[in-house]
N, C-alpha and C. Protein backbone atom coordinates (compact mmCIF):
# COMPACT_ATOMS: atom_id res chain seq x y z
N MET A 1 89.04 117.54 151.21
CA MET A 1 87.72 118.13 151.21
C MET A 1 88.20 118.47 152.58
N ARG A 2 87.70 120.06 153.27
CA ARG A 2 87.92 120.35 154.54
C ARG A 2 86.50 120.65 155.12
N PHE A 3 86.08 119.15 156.16
CA PHE A 3 84.77 120.87 156.72
C PHE A 3 84.75 120.66 158.02
N PRO A 4 83.93 121.69 158.18
CA PRO A 4 83.45 122.09 159.69
C PRO A 4 83.10 121.34 160.57
N LYS A 5 83.90 121.82 161.80
CA LYS A 5 83.98 120.59 163.15
C LYS A 5 82.12 120.43 163.33
N ASP A 6 81.13 121.20 162.91
CA ASP A 6 79.66 120.68 163.29
C ASP A 6 79.02 119.34 162.25
N THR A 7 80.21 119.60 161.29
CA THR A 7 79.87 118.44 159.65
C THR A 7 80.36 117.21 160.16
N SER A 8 81.64 116.42 161.67
CA SER A 8 82.15 115.93 161.42
C SER A 8 81.54 113.92 162.00
N ASP A 9 80.98 114.88 162.42
CA ASP A 9 79.72 113.08 162.57
C ASP A 9 78.51 113.47 161.95
N GLN A 10 78.53 113.94 160.68
CA GLN A 10 77.98 113.84 159.49
C GLN A 10 77.93 112.40 158.25
N PRO A 11 77.05 111.30 157.70
CA PRO A 11 77.26 110.68 157.28
C PRO A 11 77.36 111.19 155.94
N PHE A 12 78.00 111.72 155.68
CA PHE A 12 78.24 112.33 153.50
C PHE A 12 79.07 111.82 153.30
N ILE A 13 79.63 110.19 153.66
CA ILE A 13 80.07 109.89 152.31
C ILE A 13 78.72 108.69 152.55
N TYR A 14 78.48 108.07 153.40
CA TYR A 14 77.12 107.43 153.18
C TYR A 14 76.26 107.90 152.54
N ARG A 15 75.51 109.32 152.12
CA ARG A 15 74.73 109.39 151.39
C ARG A 15 75.45 110.25 149.78
N LEU A 16 76.92 109.78 149.92
CA LEU A 16 77.92 110.20 147.79
C LEU A 16 77.18 108.44 148.03
N VAL A 17 77.96 108.49 148.60
CA VAL A 17 77.69 106.60 148.27
C VAL A 17 75.86 106.86 147.86
N LYS A 18 75.02 106.29 148.23
CA LYS A 18 73.09 105.65 148.50
C LYS A 18 72.91 106.41 147.47
N GLU A 19 73.50 108.34 147.72
CA GLU A 19 71.98 109.08 147.04
C GLU A 19 72.55 109.83 145.85
N TYR A 20 73.18 109.21 145.09
CA TYR A 20 74.56 110.10 144.30
C TYR A 20 74.89 108.98 143.30
N ASP A 21 75.44 107.51 143.61
CA ASP A 21 76.27 106.31 142.84
C ASP A 21 77.33 106.37 142.57
N ILE A 22 78.02 107.40 143.58
CA ILE A 22 78.77 107.73 143.65
C ILE A 22 80.25 107.02 144.63
N GLU A 23 81.01 106.11 144.08
CA GLU A 23 82.48 105.64 144.45
C GLU A 23 83.69 106.59 145.23
N PHE A 24 83.74 105.63 146.12
CA PHE A 24 84.76 106.54 146.76
C PHE A 24 86.19 106.24 147.11
N ASN A 25 87.56 106.14 147.34
CA ASN A 25 88.84 105.71 147.77
C ASN A 25 89.01 106.97 148.90
N ILE A 26 89.20 106.59 149.85
CA ILE A 26 90.27 107.55 151.23
C ILE A 26 91.61 107.81 150.54
N LEU A 27 91.73 108.65 150.25
CA LEU A 27 93.74 108.42 150.15
C LEU A 27 94.35 109.24 151.55
N LYS A 28 93.66 110.13 152.05
CA LYS A 28 94.08 109.85 153.82
C LYS A 28 93.49 111.27 154.51
N ALA A 29 92.78 111.30 155.36
CA ALA A 29 91.36 111.49 156.48
C ALA A 29 92.75 111.92 157.53
N ASP A 30 91.64 113.05 158.14
CA ASP A 30 92.08 113.73 159.02
C ASP A 30 91.14 114.26 160.46
N ILE A 31 90.28 112.58 160.71
CA ILE A 31 88.83 113.54 161.84
C ILE A 31 88.24 113.42 162.68
N LEU A 32 88.43 114.14 163.98
CA LEU A 32 87.55 113.72 164.96
C LEU A 32 86.79 114.69 165.02
N LEU A 33 86.09 114.18 166.25
CA LEU A 33 84.70 115.00 166.56
C LEU A 33 85.19 116.04 166.77
N GLN A 34 84.10 116.71 167.15
CA GLN A 34 83.86 118.40 167.36
C GLN A 34 85.06 119.11 165.98
N ARG A 35 86.14 119.24 165.64
CA ARG A 35 86.38 119.23 165.37
C ARG A 35 86.92 119.13 163.42
N GLU A 36 87.45 120.50 162.98
CA GLU A 36 87.81 120.24 161.88
C GLU A 36 88.78 119.63 160.79
N GLY A 37 88.39 118.52 160.02
CA GLY A 37 88.71 117.62 159.36
C GLY A 37 89.07 118.52 157.90
N LEU A 38 89.94 117.19 157.93
CA LEU A 38 91.11 116.90 155.79
C LEU A 38 90.76 115.35 155.84
N MET A 39 89.99 115.62 154.69
CA MET A 39 89.81 113.89 153.83
C MET A 39 90.09 114.59 152.36
N ILE A 40 91.23 113.34 151.70
CA ILE A 40 91.13 113.48 150.00
C ILE A 40 91.24 111.95 149.93
N ILE A 41 90.50 112.33 148.90
CA ILE A 41 89.35 110.76 148.43
C ILE A 41 89.27 111.28 147.45
N GLU A 42 89.51 109.94 146.37
CA GLU A 42 89.12 110.01 144.95
C GLU A 42 88.28 109.40 145.04
N LEU A 43 87.22 110.14 143.56
CA LEU A 43 85.25 110.50 143.04
C LEU A 43 84.98 109.56 142.11
N LYS A 44 84.49 108.67 141.79
CA LYS A 44 84.08 108.23 140.31
C LYS A 44 82.64 108.27 141.12
N GLY A 45 82.14 108.92 140.04
CA GLY A 45 80.49 108.57 139.76
C GLY A 45 79.67 107.74 138.33
N SER A 46 78.92 107.37 138.67
CA SER A 46 78.35 107.14 137.28
C SER A 46 77.86 107.71 136.43
N SER A 47 77.99 109.02 136.51
CA SER A 47 77.57 110.36 135.43
C SER A 47 78.04 111.74 136.20
N LYS A 48 78.36 112.37 135.16
CA LYS A 48 79.02 113.93 135.83
C LYS A 48 78.58 114.28 136.77
N THR A 49 76.57 114.33 136.05
CA THR A 49 76.05 115.13 136.84
C THR A 49 75.89 114.62 137.83
N ASN A 50 75.50 113.03 138.44
CA ASN A 50 76.04 112.31 139.58
C ASN A 50 76.96 113.25 140.70
N VAL A 51 78.28 112.94 140.04
CA VAL A 51 79.33 113.91 140.77
C VAL A 51 78.67 115.25 141.21
N LYS A 52 78.31 115.84 140.00
CA LYS A 52 77.86 117.57 140.46
C LYS A 52 76.88 117.25 140.83
N ALA A 53 76.02 116.33 141.66
CA ALA A 53 75.09 116.67 142.59
C ALA A 53 75.50 116.54 143.56
N GLY A 54 76.50 115.12 143.78
CA GLY A 54 77.23 114.71 144.77
C GLY A 54 78.17 115.61 145.78
N LEU A 55 79.11 116.89 145.11
CA LEU A 55 80.38 117.74 144.91
C LEU A 55 79.08 118.85 146.08
N ASP A 56 77.81 119.22 144.97
CA ASP A 56 77.19 120.42 145.26
C ASP A 56 76.59 119.97 146.70
N TYR A 57 75.99 118.84 146.55
CA TYR A 57 75.30 118.09 148.46
C TYR A 57 76.93 118.79 150.05
N LEU A 58 77.81 118.76 149.49
CA LEU A 58 79.08 118.78 150.11
C LEU A 58 78.95 120.39 150.14
N ARG A 59 79.27 120.97 149.50
CA ARG A 59 79.15 122.25 149.91
C ARG A 59 78.11 122.68 150.13
N ASN A 60 77.22 122.31 150.27
CA ASN A 60 75.59 122.10 150.64
C ASN A 60 75.58 122.25 152.34
N LEU A 61 77.05 121.46 152.77
CA LEU A 61 76.48 120.82 153.95
C LEU A 61 77.16 122.07 154.62
N GLY A 62 77.94 122.50 154.16
CA GLY A 62 79.67 124.46 154.57
C GLY A 62 81.15 122.45 154.29
N VAL A 63 80.41 121.76 153.50
CA VAL A 63 82.00 121.18 152.72
C VAL A 63 83.17 122.14 152.29
N LYS A 64 84.46 122.24 152.05
CA LYS A 64 85.28 123.12 150.64
C LYS A 64 85.87 121.78 150.19
N VAL A 65 85.55 121.89 148.89
CA VAL A 65 86.19 120.95 147.70
C VAL A 65 87.18 121.30 146.93
N GLU A 66 87.76 121.05 147.83
CA GLU A 66 88.85 121.12 145.52
C GLU A 66 89.59 120.31 145.10
N ARG A 67 89.35 120.15 143.95
CA ARG A 67 90.52 119.60 143.29
C ARG A 67 91.71 119.81 143.16
N MET A 68 92.83 118.34 143.88
CA MET A 68 94.09 118.75 143.70
C MET A 68 95.14 117.73 143.01
N ALA A 69 96.13 119.09 142.55
CA ALA A 69 97.07 117.27 141.26
C ALA A 69 98.32 117.37 142.48
N ALA A 70 97.81 116.70 143.07
CA ALA A 70 98.72 116.32 144.01
C ALA A 70 100.38 115.84 142.72
N ARG A 71 101.56 116.17 142.75
CA ARG A 71 102.64 115.94 142.39
C ARG A 71 103.62 114.72 142.60
N ILE A 72 104.02 113.29 142.01
CA ILE A 72 104.44 112.26 142.76
C ILE A 72 105.56 112.49 142.05
N ARG A 73 107.13 112.59 142.55
CA ARG A 73 108.21 112.46 141.73
C ARG A 73 109.49 111.16 142.36
N ARG A 74 109.11 110.48 141.26
CA ARG A 74 110.69 110.21 142.82
C ARG A 74 112.46 110.38 141.74
N ASP A 75 112.76 110.56 142.47
CA ASP A 75 114.56 111.39 142.70
C ASP A 75 115.50 110.22 141.68
N GLU A 76 115.34 109.29 140.68
CA GLU A 76 116.62 108.88 140.25
C GLU A 76 116.99 107.93 141.06
N GLU A 77 118.62 108.82 141.20
CA GLU A 77 119.75 109.01 141.93
C GLU A 77 119.68 108.62 143.16
N ASN A 78 118.98 108.77 143.70
CA ASN A 78 118.22 108.70 145.08
C ASN A 78 118.30 106.60 145.42
N CYS A 79 116.86 106.54 144.48
CA CYS A 79 116.31 104.73 144.28
C CYS A 79 117.28 104.07 144.13
N PHE A 80 117.72 103.46 145.25
CA PHE A 80 118.45 102.11 145.26
C PHE A 80 117.39 100.58 144.90
N GLN A 81 116.26 100.67 143.87
CA GLN A 81 115.35 100.16 144.04
C GLN A 81 115.11 98.98 144.86
N CYS A 82 115.08 99.25 145.88
CA CYS A 82 114.20 98.01 146.68
C CYS A 82 113.54 97.38 146.48
N GLY A 83 112.22 98.58 146.45
CA GLY A 83 110.88 97.73 146.54
C GLY A 83 109.65 98.51 147.56
N ALA A 84 110.20 98.71 148.33
CA ALA A 84 109.59 99.60 149.13
C ALA A 84 107.79 99.71 148.59
N CYS A 85 107.75 100.64 148.37
CA CYS A 85 107.03 101.78 147.24
C CYS A 85 106.57 101.22 146.97
N THR A 86 106.34 99.41 146.20
CA THR A 86 105.42 99.16 145.68
C THR A 86 104.34 98.31 146.56
N SER A 87 104.76 98.13 147.67
CA SER A 87 103.85 97.45 148.84
C SER A 87 102.58 98.57 148.92
N VAL A 88 102.99 99.17 149.08
CA VAL A 88 101.72 100.46 149.62
C VAL A 88 101.22 101.22 147.91
N CYS A 89 101.20 100.72 147.00
CA CYS A 89 100.70 101.48 146.05
C CYS A 89 99.77 100.46 145.47
N SER A 90 98.43 101.52 145.78
CA SER A 90 97.85 100.85 144.86
C SER A 90 97.13 100.86 144.04
N PRO A 91 97.19 101.92 143.46
CA PRO A 91 96.95 101.98 141.94
C PRO A 91 97.60 101.02 140.99
N GLY A 92 98.92 100.56 141.43
CA GLY A 92 99.64 100.70 140.70
C GLY A 92 100.87 101.58 139.53
N ALA A 93 100.81 102.63 140.14
CA ALA A 93 102.11 103.35 140.06
C ALA A 93 103.52 103.31 139.74
N LEU A 94 104.21 102.95 140.94
CA LEU A 94 104.78 101.77 141.15
C LEU A 94 105.30 100.64 141.28
N PHE A 95 105.55 99.43 140.08
CA PHE A 95 105.44 98.29 140.09
C PHE A 95 107.31 97.99 139.50
N ILE A 96 106.83 96.09 139.62
CA ILE A 96 108.23 95.73 140.05
C ILE A 96 108.17 94.81 138.73
N HIS A 97 109.21 95.79 136.89
CA HIS A 97 109.85 95.49 136.91
C HIS A 97 109.76 93.75 135.85
N ARG A 98 110.08 92.92 135.47
CA ARG A 98 110.13 91.39 135.68
C ARG A 98 110.96 90.97 134.23
N PRO A 99 112.13 90.68 134.04
CA PRO A 99 113.23 89.97 134.79
C PRO A 99 114.11 90.23 135.03
N GLU A 100 114.24 92.36 134.83
CA GLU A 100 114.79 93.15 135.40
C GLU A 100 115.21 93.22 136.81
N MET A 101 113.74 92.94 137.41
CA MET A 101 113.55 93.60 138.75
C MET A 101 114.20 95.53 138.74
N SER A 102 113.30 96.17 138.27
CA SER A 102 113.63 97.03 138.55
C SER A 102 112.62 98.38 138.34
N ILE A 103 112.20 98.90 139.78
CA ILE A 103 111.26 99.85 140.06
C ILE A 103 110.40 100.73 138.49
N ILE A 104 109.64 101.13 138.65
CA ILE A 104 109.41 102.03 137.53
C ILE A 104 108.14 102.02 138.35
N PHE A 105 108.80 103.24 137.97
CA PHE A 105 106.75 104.80 138.77
C PHE A 105 106.58 105.01 137.08
N ASP A 106 104.48 104.92 136.96
CA ASP A 106 104.31 105.56 136.59
C ASP A 106 103.60 106.29 136.64
N ALA A 107 103.62 108.13 136.43
CA ALA A 107 103.02 109.06 136.88
C ALA A 107 101.74 109.23 136.44
N GLU A 108 101.63 108.62 135.36
CA GLU A 108 100.34 108.69 135.13
C GLU A 108 99.09 108.27 135.82
N LYS A 109 99.51 106.78 136.33
CA LYS A 109 98.62 105.64 137.39
C LYS A 109 98.47 106.70 138.54
N CYS A 110 99.68 107.33 139.27
CA CYS A 110 99.96 108.06 139.91
C CYS A 110 98.69 108.69 140.96
N THR A 111 97.60 108.15 141.95
CA THR A 111 96.83 109.35 141.98
C THR A 111 96.73 110.78 144.10
N GLY A 112 98.39 110.30 143.59
CA GLY A 112 98.87 111.43 144.94
C GLY A 112 99.58 110.80 146.40
N CYS A 113 98.79 109.89 146.45
CA CYS A 113 98.12 109.87 148.07
C CYS A 113 99.17 109.75 148.48
N SER A 114 100.59 109.61 148.27
CA SER A 114 101.43 109.71 148.72
C SER A 114 101.94 108.31 150.07
N LEU A 115 101.22 107.56 150.07
CA LEU A 115 102.16 106.59 151.12
C LEU A 115 103.67 105.99 150.62
N CYS A 116 103.17 105.95 148.97
CA CYS A 116 105.09 106.29 148.71
C CYS A 116 105.77 106.61 149.75
N VAL A 117 105.40 107.80 149.95
CA VAL A 117 107.41 109.03 150.71
C VAL A 117 107.40 108.83 151.75
N PRO A 118 106.53 108.49 152.48
CA PRO A 118 106.98 107.73 154.33
C PRO A 118 107.98 106.87 154.08
N ILE A 119 107.59 105.65 153.47
CA ILE A 119 108.36 104.52 153.21
C ILE A 119 109.60 104.12 153.01
N CYS A 120 109.56 104.99 151.87
CA CYS A 120 111.38 105.45 151.46
C CYS A 120 112.33 105.42 152.01
N PRO A 121 112.79 104.11 152.32
CA PRO A 121 114.03 104.35 153.00
C PRO A 121 115.35 105.77 152.89
N VAL A 122 115.39 106.20 152.03
CA VAL A 122 116.88 107.20 150.60
C VAL A 122 115.29 108.12 150.59
N ARG A 123 114.28 108.30 151.36
CA ARG A 123 113.34 109.43 151.01
C ARG A 123 113.39 109.73 149.39
N ALA A 124 113.70 109.03 148.30
CA ALA A 124 113.87 109.36 146.73
C ALA A 124 112.82 109.46 146.36
N MET A 125 110.97 109.20 147.10
CA MET A 125 109.79 110.25 146.82
C MET A 125 109.42 110.88 146.97
N GLU A 126 109.26 112.14 146.74
CA GLU A 126 108.87 113.36 146.46
C GLU A 126 106.87 113.88 145.91
N VAL A 127 106.89 114.68 147.10
CA VAL A 127 105.15 115.20 147.45
C VAL A 127 104.82 115.97 146.83
N SER A 128 104.28 117.22 146.29
CA SER A 128 103.74 118.16 146.25
C SER A 128 102.95 118.23 146.48
N LEU A 129 102.12 119.98 147.53
CA LEU A 129 100.84 119.90 147.38
C LEU A 129 100.54 121.54 146.94
N ASP A 130 101.31 122.48 146.77
CA ASP A 130 101.57 123.84 146.63
C ASP A 130 100.08 124.17 146.09
N ASP A 131 99.42 125.14 146.27
CA ASP A 131 98.91 125.84 145.65
C ASP A 131 98.69 125.90 144.08
N ASP A 132 99.34 126.96 143.13
CA ASP A 132 99.86 126.68 142.12
C ASP A 132 99.07 124.64 141.79
N TRP A 133 98.84 123.76 142.73
CA TRP A 133 98.84 122.87 141.68
C TRP A 133 96.73 122.50 142.26
N ILE A 134 95.99 122.86 142.19
CA ILE A 134 95.22 122.90 143.02
C ILE A 134 94.44 123.42 141.61
N LEU A 135 93.36 122.67 140.87
CA LEU A 135 92.84 122.91 140.01
C LEU A 135 91.36 124.06 140.01
N SER A 136 91.44 124.53 139.01
CA SER A 136 90.33 125.44 138.84
C SER A 136 89.42 124.88 138.87
N GLU A 137 87.57 125.49 139.74
CA GLU A 137 86.69 124.80 139.21
C GLU A 137 86.56 124.00 137.74
N LYS A 138 86.50 125.33 137.14
CA LYS A 138 85.81 124.58 135.39
C LYS A 138 86.75 122.37 135.23
N TYR A 139 88.07 123.04 135.76
CA TYR A 139 88.42 120.92 136.24
C TYR A 139 86.89 120.07 137.04
N MET A 140 86.85 120.46 138.26
CA MET A 140 85.90 119.37 139.25
C MET A 140 85.26 118.46 138.57
N VAL A 141 84.25 118.03 137.13
CA VAL A 141 83.92 117.73 136.59
C VAL A 141 84.22 117.13 135.20
């Protein structure tokens, strides 16, 4: 979501929860008062109707909503299985497989938050948010 500076002090996340019964997970946020803001969040609603209504509410506030398909990739040759990435991966896309103690990356579980990228000491994790990975409106709900 990109929101204009005049909405940076609005409680829009609160309203998504309270009025539209939408759960959220903030993956990244760059928010300062009286500046344009950027927030990457996961949204989940009790129904598609609620999510659509919540997204319409945001758009009416002037918030630009895009669905992003971030892709995270692990360079298997560079990864030396230290496990640092597993400590920041809340969806469990990176985990330790026991008893071998190997690090497994399950791309299907990955949300694209990119927290694993800066923590990797050898930069084996890569992220891309290229424009061709932004999904069209028909995939929004």
